[in-house]
Protein backbone atom coordinates (compact mmCIF):
# COMPACT_ATOMS: atom_id res chain seq x y z
CA UNK A 1 -10.31 0.96 4.29
CA UNK A 2 -6.97 2.71 5.98
CA UNK A 3 -7.68 6.23 6.92
CA UNK A 4 -5.27 8.98 5.74
CA UNK A 5 -3.47 9.17 9.05
CA UNK A 6 -3.10 5.03 9.52
CA UNK A 7 -1.40 4.87 5.95
CA UNK A 8 0.78 7.58 6.84
CA UNK A 9 1.92 5.92 9.95
CA UNK A 10 2.15 2.53 8.61
CA UNK A 11 4.26 3.85 5.52
CA UNK A 12 6.00 6.13 7.36
CA UNK A 13 7.13 3.08 9.96
CA UNK A 14 7.94 0.95 7.42
CA UNK A 15 10.08 3.20 6.14
CA UNK A 16 11.68 3.70 9.36
CA UNK A 17 11.86 -0.11 9.87
CA UNK A 18 13.87 -0.30 6.04
CA UNK A 19 16.34 2.26 6.83
CA UNK A 20 17.45 0.65 10.00
CA UNK A 21 17.41 -2.69 8.47
CA UNK A 22 19.42 -1.51 5.55
CA UNK A 23 22.27 -1.01 7.86
CA UNK A 24 22.13 -4.15 9.21
CA UNK A 25 21.74 -6.23 6.04
CA UNK A 26 24.28 -4.30 3.95
CA UNK A 27 27.04 -5.64 6.09
CA UNK A 28 25.98 -9.50 5.92
CA UNK A 29 27.50 -10.31 2.67
CA UNK A 30 30.72 -8.33 3.07
CA UNK A 31 31.39 -8.06 6.26
CA UNK A 32 33.61 -11.50 6.89
CA UNK A 33 35.99 -10.19 4.26
CA UNK A 34 36.62 -6.10 5.36
CA UNK A 35 36.51 -6.99 8.87
CA UNK A 36 39.28 -9.68 8.46
CA UNK A 37 41.60 -6.66 7.14
CA UNK A 38 41.44 -5.12 10.38
CA UNK A 39 44.11 -5.53 12.96
CA UNK A 40 43.41 -8.51 14.92
CA UNK A 41 40.46 -9.48 12.04
CA UNK A 42 42.90 -12.74 11.70
CA UNK A 43 41.41 -14.25 14.19
CA UNK A 44 38.19 -15.66 12.75
CA UNK A 45 36.98 -16.69 15.96
CA UNK A 46 36.85 -12.29 16.95
CA UNK A 47 35.21 -11.67 13.62
CA UNK A 48 32.66 -14.25 14.43
CA UNK A 49 32.09 -12.15 17.42
CA UNK A 50 32.10 -8.58 15.87
CA UNK A 51 29.52 -10.21 13.08
CA UNK A 52 27.04 -11.43 15.95
CA UNK A 53 27.51 -9.01 18.92
CA UNK A 54 24.29 -7.15 17.39
CA UNK A 55 22.37 -9.67 18.08
CA UNK A 56 23.39 -10.27 21.36
CA UNK A 57 22.09 -6.89 22.87
CA UNK A 58 19.13 -6.72 20.77
CA UNK A 59 17.95 -9.89 22.37
CA UNK A 60 18.92 -8.99 26.15
CA UNK A 61 17.15 -5.05 25.40
CA UNK A 62 14.23 -5.71 22.74
CA UNK A 63 11.62 -6.87 25.01
CA UNK A 64 12.56 -4.28 28.24
CA UNK A 65 12.76 -1.41 25.97
CA UNK A 66 9.48 -2.28 24.37
CA UNK A 67 7.98 -2.11 27.87
CA UNK A 68 9.88 0.70 28.45
CA UNK A 69 8.12 2.40 25.62
CA UNK A 70 4.91 2.08 27.90
CA UNK A 71 5.92 3.74 30.51
CA UNK A 72 7.78 6.49 28.97
CA UNK A 73 6.34 7.20 25.60
CA UNK A 74 7.07 5.33 22.01
CA UNK A 75 8.83 8.13 20.58
CA UNK A 76 11.64 8.48 23.27
CA UNK A 77 12.63 5.23 23.45
CA UNK A 78 12.80 5.04 19.31
CA UNK A 79 14.68 8.25 19.99
CA UNK A 80 17.14 6.43 22.49
CA UNK A 81 17.48 3.05 20.34
CA UNK A 82 18.33 5.34 16.97
CA UNK A 83 20.87 7.41 18.62
CA UNK A 84 22.57 4.12 19.95
CA UNK A 85 22.52 2.38 16.43
CA UNK A 86 24.12 5.67 14.89
CA UNK A 87 26.70 5.76 17.50
CA UNK A 88 27.00 2.29 17.32
CA UNK A 89 27.66 2.77 13.65
CA UNK A 90 30.11 5.44 13.87
CA UNK A 91 32.36 3.58 16.21
CA UNK A 92 32.45 0.55 13.58
CA UNK A 93 33.19 2.97 10.99
CA UNK A 94 36.35 4.52 13.26
CA UNK A 95 37.67 1.10 14.54
CA UNK A 96 41.11 0.34 14.03
CA UNK A 97 41.05 -2.64 16.01
CA UNK A 98 38.76 -6.18 15.77
CA UNK A 99 37.99 -5.66 19.50
CA UNK A 100 36.93 -1.89 18.89
CA UNK A 101 34.46 -3.37 16.07
CA UNK A 102 32.97 -5.68 18.28
CA UNK A 103 31.90 -2.97 21.03
CA UNK A 104 30.60 -0.57 18.15
CA UNK A 105 28.75 -3.82 17.25
CA UNK A 106 27.05 -4.28 20.35
CA UNK A 107 26.46 -0.51 20.58
CA UNK A 108 24.70 -0.89 17.42
CA UNK A 109 22.48 -3.53 19.02
CA UNK A 110 21.36 -1.61 21.92
CA UNK A 111 19.17 0.32 19.86
CA UNK A 112 16.62 -2.36 20.16
CA UNK A 113 13.43 -0.34 19.22
CA UNK A 114 11.53 -3.32 16.89
CA UNK A 115 9.04 -3.56 19.79
CA UNK A 116 8.45 0.28 20.77
CA UNK A 117 8.18 0.44 17.06
CA UNK A 118 5.56 -2.09 16.57
CA UNK A 119 3.94 -1.00 19.59
CA UNK A 120 3.82 2.47 18.20
CA UNK A 121 2.45 1.08 15.19
CA UNK A 122 -0.75 -0.35 17.26
CA UNK A 123 -1.40 2.94 19.02
CA UNK A 124 -1.95 4.37 15.42
CA UNK A 125 -3.61 2.26 13.93
CA UNK A 126 -7.38 0.56 14.45
CA UNK A 127 -7.89 -3.02 15.53
CA UNK A 128 -9.16 -4.02 12.09
CA UNK A 129 -6.48 -2.34 10.05
CA UNK A 130 -3.62 -3.23 12.00
CA UNK A 131 -2.60 -6.61 10.35
CA UNK A 132 -2.15 -4.80 6.84
CA UNK A 133 -0.05 -1.97 8.56
CA UNK A 134 2.07 -4.96 9.70
CA UNK A 135 2.25 -6.69 6.64
CA UNK A 136 3.52 -3.25 5.23
CA UNK A 137 6.70 -3.13 7.61
CA UNK A 138 6.97 -7.31 6.66
CA UNK A 139 7.00 -6.18 3.47
CA UNK A 140 9.81 -3.22 3.82
CA UNK A 141 12.10 -5.84 5.68
CA UNK A 142 11.88 -8.73 3.00
CA UNK A 143 12.66 -5.86 0.12
CA UNK A 144 15.47 -4.23 1.79
CA UNK A 145 16.88 -7.68 2.73
CA UNK A 146 16.99 -8.70 -1.32
CA UNK A 147 18.05 -4.94 -2.07
CA UNK A 148 21.11 -5.12 0.54
CA UNK A 149 22.72 -8.57 -0.82
CA UNK A 150 22.92 -7.36 -4.40
CA UNK A 151 24.06 -3.84 -3.55
CA UNK A 152 26.18 -4.19 -0.63
CA UNK A 153 29.35 -6.32 -2.62
CA UNK A 154 29.48 -3.30 -5.21
CA UNK A 155 28.90 -0.38 -2.28
CA UNK A 156 31.88 -2.05 -0.24
CA UNK A 157 33.93 -1.66 -3.29
CA UNK A 158 33.08 2.26 -3.66
CA UNK A 159 32.97 2.86 -0.15
CA UNK A 160 34.73 0.08 1.92
CA UNK A 161 32.88 -1.44 5.28
CA UNK A 162 33.95 1.78 7.20
CA UNK A 163 31.61 3.80 4.25
CA UNK A 164 29.13 1.31 4.81
CA UNK A 165 28.88 1.99 8.21
CA UNK A 166 28.90 6.05 8.40
CA UNK A 167 26.39 5.47 5.37
CA UNK A 168 24.28 3.50 8.09
CA UNK A 169 24.89 6.29 11.11
CA UNK A 170 23.54 9.11 8.59
CA UNK A 171 20.13 6.98 7.68
CA UNK A 172 19.63 6.28 11.63
CA UNK A 173 19.73 10.10 11.89
CA UNK A 174 17.84 10.34 8.68
CA UNK A 175 14.98 8.11 10.51
CA UNK A 176 15.27 9.86 13.80
CA UNK A 177 14.54 12.99 11.94
CA UNK A 178 11.41 11.12 9.77
CA UNK A 179 10.17 10.06 13.68
CA UNK A 180 10.31 13.27 14.88
CA UNK A 181 8.64 15.29 12.12
CA UNK A 182 6.87 12.71 9.51
CA UNK A 183 5.34 9.90 12.01
CA UNK A 184 2.36 10.91 13.90
CA UNK A 185 1.99 11.33 17.34
CA UNK A 186 -0.71 8.87 18.61
CA UNK A 187 -3.78 10.53 20.60
CA UNK A 188 -4.00 7.61 23.06
CA UNK A 189 -1.17 5.11 23.97
CA UNK A 190 -1.99 2.08 25.46
CA UNK A 191 -0.86 -1.81 26.12
CA UNK A 192 -1.98 -4.08 22.65
CA UNK A 193 -1.45 -7.84 23.60
CA UNK A 194 -1.67 -8.32 19.86
CA UNK A 195 1.40 -6.43 19.10
CA UNK A 196 3.27 -6.40 22.90
CA UNK A 197 4.79 -8.52 24.98
CA UNK A 198 3.09 -8.94 28.33
CA UNK A 199 5.44 -10.71 31.28
CA UNK A 200 2.40 -12.05 32.93
CA UNK A 201 1.82 -14.23 29.94
CA UNK A 202 5.17 -15.38 29.28
CA UNK A 203 4.66 -18.72 31.27
CA UNK A 204 1.96 -19.69 29.33
CA UNK A 205 3.98 -18.92 25.83
CA UNK A 206 7.22 -20.62 27.30
CA UNK A 207 5.42 -23.82 28.04
CA UNK A 208 2.96 -24.08 24.75
CA UNK A 209 4.71 -27.04 22.97
CA UNK A 210 3.88 -25.83 19.55
CA UNK A 211 5.25 -22.56 19.96
CA UNK A 212 8.55 -24.11 21.74
CA UNK A 213 9.16 -25.66 18.13
CA UNK A 214 8.57 -22.45 16.39
CA UNK A 215 11.21 -20.35 18.57
CA UNK A 216 13.89 -23.07 18.03
CA UNK A 217 13.18 -22.83 14.37
CA UNK A 218 13.74 -19.34 14.20
CA UNK A 219 16.76 -20.05 16.20
CA UNK A 220 17.63 -22.56 13.64
CA UNK A 221 17.17 -20.85 10.76
CA UNK A 222 18.91 -17.28 11.86
CA UNK A 223 21.69 -19.27 13.34
CA UNK A 224 22.46 -21.08 10.42
CA UNK A 225 22.03 -17.70 8.33
CA UNK A 226 24.70 -16.20 10.44
CA UNK A 227 27.02 -18.62 10.50
CA UNK A 228 26.73 -19.22 6.47
CA UNK A 229 27.58 -15.59 5.86
CA UNK A 230 30.61 -15.64 8.50
CA UNK A 231 32.17 -17.77 5.53
CA UNK A 232 30.38 -17.30 2.55
CA UNK A 233 31.99 -14.36 1.41
CA UNK A 234 35.20 -16.05 1.81
CA UNK A 235 34.44 -18.99 -0.03
CA UNK A 236 33.27 -16.82 -2.88
CA UNK A 237 36.55 -15.06 -3.04
CA UNK A 238 38.47 -18.03 -2.73
CA UNK A 239 36.62 -21.36 -4.29
CA UNK A 240 34.69 -18.64 -6.25
CA UNK A 241 37.09 -16.88 -7.69
CA UNK A 242 35.10 -13.74 -7.59
CA UNK A 243 36.10 -10.45 -5.95
CA UNK A 244 33.89 -8.89 -3.47
CA UNK A 245 32.64 -6.39 -5.94
CA UNK A 246 31.11 -8.97 -7.83
CA UNK A 247 29.23 -11.03 -5.26
CA UNK A 248 26.31 -9.77 -6.43
CA UNK A 249 26.43 -11.88 -9.34
CA UNK A 250 25.72 -14.80 -7.50
CA UNK A 251 23.22 -13.25 -5.14
CA UNK A 252 21.12 -11.76 -7.53
CA UNK A 253 19.71 -14.73 -9.28
CA UNK A 254 19.54 -16.87 -6.13
CA UNK A 255 17.69 -13.78 -4.19
CA UNK A 256 15.20 -13.76 -7.14
CA UNK A 257 14.85 -17.45 -7.65
CA UNK A 258 13.97 -17.69 -4.00
CA UNK A 259 11.22 -14.80 -4.02
CA UNK A 260 9.25 -16.48 -7.26
CA UNK A 261 9.49 -19.56 -5.71
CA UNK A 262 8.23 -18.70 -2.32
CA UNK A 263 5.15 -17.35 -3.67
CA UNK A 264 3.24 -20.33 -5.26
CA UNK A 265 4.57 -22.06 -2.07
CA UNK A 266 3.11 -20.27 0.15
CA UNK A 267 -0.09 -19.45 -1.89
CA UNK A 268 -0.57 -23.56 -1.82
CA UNK A 269 0.15 -23.85 2.01
CA UNK A 270 -2.31 -21.30 3.06
CA UNK A 271 -4.99 -21.53 0.39
CA UNK A 272 -5.22 -25.42 0.35
CA UNK A 273 -4.56 -25.76 4.22
CA UNK A 274 -1.22 -27.35 3.66
CA UNK A 275 1.24 -25.05 5.66
CA UNK A 276 2.46 -28.00 7.55
CA UNK A 277 3.56 -29.85 4.57
CA UNK A 278 4.76 -26.75 2.85
CA UNK A 279 6.39 -25.92 6.29
CA UNK A 280 8.09 -29.41 6.19
CA UNK A 281 9.39 -29.46 2.96
CA UNK A 282 11.28 -26.02 3.00
CA UNK A 283 13.10 -27.47 6.30
CA UNK A 284 13.95 -30.66 4.21
CA UNK A 285 15.29 -28.52 1.63
CA UNK A 286 17.09 -26.43 3.76
CA UNK A 287 19.01 -29.23 5.36
CA UNK A 288 19.91 -30.63 1.79
CA UNK A 289 21.32 -27.40 0.92
CA UNK A 290 23.41 -27.59 4.36
CA UNK A 291 24.54 -30.93 3.68
CA UNK A 292 25.48 -30.35 0.17
CA UNK A 293 27.93 -27.34 1.28
CA UNK A 294 29.26 -29.71 3.83
CA UNK A 295 29.67 -32.51 1.25
CA UNK A 296 30.44 -30.97 -1.94
CA UNK A 297 31.74 -27.49 -2.38
CA UNK A 298 34.08 -27.64 -5.00
CA UNK A 299 33.76 -24.58 -7.46
CA UNK A 300 31.46 -21.51 -8.21
CA UNK A 301 28.80 -23.62 -9.89
CA UNK A 302 28.14 -25.83 -6.36
CA UNK A 303 28.05 -22.68 -4.64
CA UNK A 304 25.29 -21.23 -6.76
CA UNK A 305 23.56 -24.56 -6.73
CA UNK A 306 23.37 -24.92 -3.10
CA UNK A 307 22.78 -21.35 -2.48
CA UNK A 308 19.58 -21.33 -4.70
CA UNK A 309 18.01 -24.14 -2.68
CA UNK A 310 19.16 -22.34 0.57
CA UNK A 311 17.44 -19.15 -0.82
CA UNK A 312 14.29 -20.74 -1.87
CA UNK A 313 14.05 -22.55 1.50
CA UNK A 314 14.67 -19.74 3.70
CA UNK A 315 12.18 -17.19 1.85
CA UNK A 316 9.37 -19.83 2.49
CA UNK A 317 10.52 -20.17 5.80
CA UNK A 318 10.58 -16.58 6.84
CA UNK A 319 7.36 -16.52 5.19
CA UNK A 320 5.49 -19.54 6.94
CA UNK A 321 6.64 -18.84 10.47
CA UNK A 322 5.29 -16.01 11.44
CA UNK A 323 1.66 -16.85 10.25
CA UNK A 324 1.96 -20.25 12.04
CA UNK A 325 2.75 -17.92 15.38
CA UNK A 326 -0.60 -15.96 15.00
CA UNK A 327 -2.61 -19.09 14.11
CA UNK A 328 -0.99 -21.05 17.02
CA UNK A 329 -0.33 -18.64 19.90
CA UNK A 330 -3.34 -18.30 22.57
CA UNK A 331 -5.48 -14.99 21.43
CA UNK A 332 -4.69 -13.15 24.48
CA UNK A 333 -0.71 -13.73 24.36
CA UNK A 334 -0.07 -13.43 20.41
CA UNK A 335 2.20 -10.16 20.92
CA UNK A 336 4.00 -12.05 24.08
CA UNK A 337 4.71 -15.00 21.54
CA UNK A 338 6.02 -12.59 18.64
CA UNK A 339 8.18 -11.11 21.34
CA UNK A 340 9.75 -14.35 22.54
CA UNK A 341 10.08 -15.51 18.81
CA UNK A 342 11.92 -12.17 18.04
CA UNK A 343 14.19 -12.84 20.94
CA UNK A 344 15.14 -15.90 19.84
CA UNK A 345 15.89 -14.70 16.53
CA UNK A 346 18.31 -12.34 17.88
CA UNK A 347 20.00 -14.34 20.25
CA UNK A 348 20.63 -16.97 17.20
CA UNK A 349 22.02 -14.26 15.45
CA UNK A 350 25.08 -13.62 17.90
CA UNK A 351 25.51 -17.57 18.69
CA UNK A 352 25.79 -18.78 14.98
CA UNK A 353 28.34 -16.38 13.79
CA UNK A 354 30.36 -16.87 17.27
CA UNK A 355 29.94 -20.40 17.07
CA UNK A 356 31.08 -20.03 13.08
CA UNK A 357 33.91 -17.98 13.62
CA UNK A 358 35.02 -19.98 16.49
CA UNK A 359 35.11 -23.18 13.93
CA UNK A 360 36.39 -21.65 11.14
CA UNK A 361 39.54 -20.27 13.21
CA UNK A 362 39.99 -23.78 14.82
CA UNK A 363 39.64 -26.35 12.24
CA UNK A 364 40.64 -23.76 9.20
CA UNK A 365 37.63 -24.82 6.96
CA UNK A 366 34.33 -23.75 6.50
CA UNK A 367 33.03 -27.49 6.14
CA UNK A 368 32.31 -27.85 10.04
CA UNK A 369 30.26 -24.57 9.79
CA UNK A 370 28.20 -26.18 7.48
CA UNK A 371 28.05 -29.45 9.26
CA UNK A 372 26.81 -27.42 12.58
CA UNK A 373 24.03 -25.51 10.31
CA UNK A 374 23.15 -29.34 8.78
CA UNK A 375 22.81 -30.36 12.57
CA UNK A 376 20.72 -27.38 12.97
CA UNK A 377 18.17 -28.44 10.29
CA UNK A 378 18.53 -31.79 11.05
CA UNK A 379 17.10 -31.49 14.35
CA UNK A 380 14.98 -28.99 13.32
CA UNK A 381 12.92 -31.20 11.04
CA UNK A 382 12.94 -33.97 13.46
CA UNK A 383 11.20 -31.43 16.36
CA UNK A 384 8.56 -30.07 13.59
CA UNK A 385 7.65 -33.41 12.18
CA UNK A 386 5.33 -34.04 15.28
CA UNK A 387 3.76 -30.48 15.05
CA UNK A 388 -0.20 -30.49 14.80
CA UNK A 389 -1.26 -28.90 11.77
CA UNK A 390 -2.51 -25.44 12.33
CA UNK A 391 -6.32 -24.76 11.91
CA UNK A 392 -7.03 -22.57 8.79
CA UNK A 393 -7.61 -19.52 11.14
CA UNK A 394 -7.05 -15.65 10.92
CA UNK A 395 -7.19 -13.04 13.70
CA UNK A 396 -9.77 -10.56 13.80
CA UNK A 397 -10.23 -7.52 16.00
CA UNK A 398 -12.69 -5.06 17.14
CA UNK A 399 -13.17 -2.01 19.19
CA UNK A 400 -14.65 -2.10 22.23
CA UNK A 401 -17.04 1.29 22.90
CA UNK A 402 -15.24 3.27 25.57
CA UNK A 403 -18.18 4.12 27.56
CA UNK A 404 -19.38 0.31 27.46
CA UNK A 405 -19.47 -1.17 31.23
CA UNK A 406 -20.95 -4.68 30.28
CA UNK A 407 -19.74 -8.06 31.23
CA UNK A 408 -16.25 -8.79 29.13
CA UNK A 409 -16.64 -12.54 30.24
CA UNK A 410 -20.41 -12.86 28.81
CA UNK A 411 -19.42 -11.34 25.51
CA UNK A 412 -16.17 -13.17 24.94
CA UNK A 413 -18.74 -16.43 25.68
CA UNK A 414 -21.18 -14.97 22.89
CA UNK A 415 -18.45 -14.08 20.54
CA UNK A 416 -16.94 -17.49 20.99
CA UNK A 417 -20.18 -19.01 20.20
CA UNK A 418 -20.62 -17.17 16.74
CA UNK A 419 -20.24 -19.94 13.59
CA UNK A 420 -16.59 -20.03 12.69
CA UNK A 421 -15.34 -18.54 15.85
CA UNK A 422 -12.66 -20.99 17.48
CA UNK A 423 -11.35 -18.26 20.33
CA UNK A 424 -12.82 -15.20 21.47
CA UNK A 425 -11.53 -13.12 24.44
CA UNK A 426 -12.25 -9.58 25.51
CA UNK A 427 -9.68 -7.18 26.93
CA UNK A 428 -11.69 -4.57 28.85
CA UNK A 429 -8.35 -2.46 29.59
CA UNK A 430 -7.33 -2.58 25.85
CA UNK A 431 -11.33 -2.02 24.81
CA UNK A 432 -10.71 -4.84 22.07
CA UNK A 433 -12.20 -7.78 21.22
CA UNK A 434 -9.53 -10.39 19.80
CA UNK A 435 -10.95 -13.35 17.74
CA UNK A 436 -9.36 -16.43 16.15
CA UNK A 437 -11.95 -17.26 13.24
CA UNK A 438 -12.18 -19.89 10.10
CA UNK A 439 -10.42 -18.14 6.82
CA UNK A 440 -13.48 -18.88 5.13
CA UNK A 441 -17.40 -19.44 6.42
CA UNK A 442 -17.35 -17.62 9.55
CA UNK A 443 -20.20 -15.05 10.57
CA UNK A 444 -18.67 -11.73 10.40
CA UNK A 445 -22.02 -10.16 10.44
CA UNK A 446 -23.01 -11.96 13.86
CA UNK A 447 -20.02 -10.47 15.31
CA UNK A 448 -20.24 -6.93 13.92
CA UNK A 449 -23.91 -6.98 15.85
CA UNK A 450 -22.17 -7.84 18.85
CA UNK A 451 -19.59 -5.14 18.77
CA UNK A 452 -22.06 -2.68 17.45
CA UNK A 453 -23.84 -2.92 20.94
CA UNK A 454 -20.68 -1.67 22.72
CA UNK A 455 -20.63 1.63 20.81
């Protein structure tokens, strides 16, 4: 069971993520329409740059900020990141030209605190409870995304895009106060291989063929997402006949459908050990949705149809890819693998929206944008087809006694020889044993016996 301190840390950090991501997600379904009303906003290429500038600075600073937090402390980096995010939000709210909106979005993205927050969570939770805490953060992000798509159109009608940005700044300040007053201070802060990127592990991760497939996958998924939202609000208004305030009529049913159908797909993939098949099915469904948007999008009914298929596929892929990373990544390089994965995601946000804006500006139509997305999905399906089915494994972590002076290599070998253990590594500088074990049928008692001897 999680202790009261761990529960407080996990819930408060999940809330911090939710507050920060709310500001980002709220603009997704309304940005293209409202940014186009600014001076210079008639140039869709500039609108695309403004939409994606956030992702560019995120990609550049996410890993460095996480490593910086190892040196100066987690909370200091989080304070700086939230302050930058709030400053960028105010700049966006006050922007009187699309160029200033681009600059404000870049400053927003410079508040790249995801890695520092994850590291702080690792500092505040015991190894055996860390996966639960990470799942709480993941759940908060997914919930925030769904709520934002539905709430943003009506919110934009009431306070406009500048009002949303000002609200985002207020939420960032509230999150900063929460970090100061609510989130506990760690008694010990150390590097965590399961949660943080290690530059020494980067060559191993970047040469891993299975991880490269997944890194391209998250790049394609979120590049297509940003590209689609660069043009979809305009299509809902022009072809769908809906003003922005009523776009939630479309988003609510398709988002709910996606969440409802995601659950049995994930359960089937994980419990029946068919995760690769579910993964490939979702990519194919996403390809079908993008081809449909490219070839046949005459009215609101068609938009709803393809968006429904899109969100079913998106939710399945968004849930399965981190699970695949955890199963496939080398045990001692899981944090590095996730860091590279998250950086690819941030970079795709910039490139997807920038390319979509350029295509829409030069061709005067959304068709080339959806064709680009379909191409990304088609390549993803081909790249993933040869992926090795992941083993049905999960990660287990154990704390090594602070005073233990034994041989880490010998303990690793003993743990690795236990029935059901596929990988085992003891990282003595982190006082942790990381095991990759079968989901069913591994000898947990034998592992706990060996770990108990270190205390």
